[in-house]
Amino acid sequence: MDDMVYIPMKVFSTLHPEGYQERFWHFVQASAMNHREAWEALEEERSAHGLPERYSSYESFRAARCAARGEKNDGN
């Protein structure tokens, strides 16, 4: 018998880039977290529900965010 796993929609939506960004900004705005803290909280939330990490580091997350916006990531 297969076990069913409950994943809240707000977490499930992070499987897509748009949902990931939306949840990231939720943490920034609702919790007054800085960007690194929000990224860490989001990755921890995904892990708690059995989802794999989307970005292996904050730097890779920043690079992907900059690329999506067509910006140069200079590391600042």
Protein backbone atom coordinates (compact mmCIF):
# COMPACT_ATOMS: atom_id res chain seq x y z
CA MET A 1 0.00 0.00 0.00
CA ASP A 2 1.34 3.42 -0.98
CA ASP A 3 1.50 6.07 1.70
CA MET A 4 0.02 9.41 0.75
CA VAL A 5 1.98 12.52 1.58
CA TYR A 6 0.26 15.83 2.26
CA ILE A 7 2.10 18.82 0.81
CA PRO A 8 0.41 22.21 1.27
CA MET A 9 -0.28 24.00 -2.02
CA LYS A 10 1.95 26.92 -0.94
CA VAL A 11 4.86 24.47 -0.73
CA PHE A 12 3.87 22.40 -3.77
CA SER A 13 3.78 25.56 -5.88
CA THR A 14 7.52 26.03 -5.23
CA LEU A 15 8.18 23.25 -7.72
CA HIS A 16 7.75 25.95 -10.39
CA PRO A 17 10.02 29.00 -10.58
CA GLU A 18 7.13 31.46 -10.27
CA GLY A 19 5.78 29.74 -7.18
CA TYR A 20 9.24 29.58 -5.65
CA GLN A 21 9.72 33.32 -6.11
CA GLU A 22 6.25 34.06 -4.74
CA ARG A 23 6.94 32.02 -1.61
CA PHE A 24 10.38 33.62 -1.22
CA TRP A 25 8.84 37.11 -1.26
CA HIS A 26 6.20 35.95 1.21
CA PHE A 27 8.96 35.13 3.69
CA VAL A 28 10.70 38.45 3.04
CA GLN A 29 7.56 40.54 3.48
CA ALA A 30 5.58 38.64 6.12
CA SER A 31 8.49 37.70 8.34
CA ALA A 32 10.79 40.71 7.86
CA MET A 33 13.59 38.32 6.89
CA ASN A 34 16.55 39.36 4.81
CA HIS A 35 16.95 37.59 1.47
CA ARG A 36 19.37 34.94 2.72
CA GLU A 37 17.13 34.11 5.70
CA ALA A 38 14.09 33.89 3.43
CA TRP A 39 15.91 31.54 1.05
CA GLU A 40 17.02 29.36 3.99
CA ALA A 41 13.48 29.26 5.43
CA LEU A 42 12.04 28.32 2.05
CA GLU A 43 14.54 25.52 1.47
CA GLU A 44 13.90 24.23 5.02
CA GLU A 45 10.14 24.30 4.42
CA ARG A 46 10.55 22.33 1.18
CA SER A 47 12.79 19.79 2.93
CA ALA A 48 10.31 19.36 5.78
CA HIS A 49 7.73 18.24 3.21
CA GLY A 50 10.09 15.88 1.41
CA LEU A 51 10.90 18.08 -1.56
CA PRO A 52 14.49 18.28 -2.80
CA GLU A 53 16.44 21.51 -2.54
CA ARG A 54 15.92 23.74 -5.54
CA TYR A 55 19.15 25.70 -5.12
CA SER A 56 22.25 24.23 -3.49
CA SER A 57 23.40 27.59 -2.18
CA TYR A 58 22.19 31.13 -1.70
CA GLU A 59 24.66 32.22 -4.37
CA SER A 60 23.12 29.86 -6.95
CA PHE A 61 19.67 31.19 -6.02
CA ARG A 62 20.87 34.78 -6.51
CA ALA A 63 22.44 33.91 -9.85
CA ALA A 64 19.22 32.29 -11.07
CA ARG A 65 17.16 35.27 -9.88
CA CYS A 66 19.45 37.71 -11.68
CA ALA A 67 19.44 35.61 -14.85
CA ALA A 68 15.64 35.49 -14.83
CA ARG A 69 15.55 39.28 -14.66
CA GLY A 70 18.26 39.65 -17.28
CA GLU A 71 20.67 41.24 -14.81
CA LYS A 72 24.36 40.69 -14.24
CA ASN A 73 25.13 39.04 -10.90
CA ASP A 74 28.27 40.72 -9.59
CA GLY A 75 28.09 38.97 -6.20
CA ASN A 76 26.88 42.01 -4.25
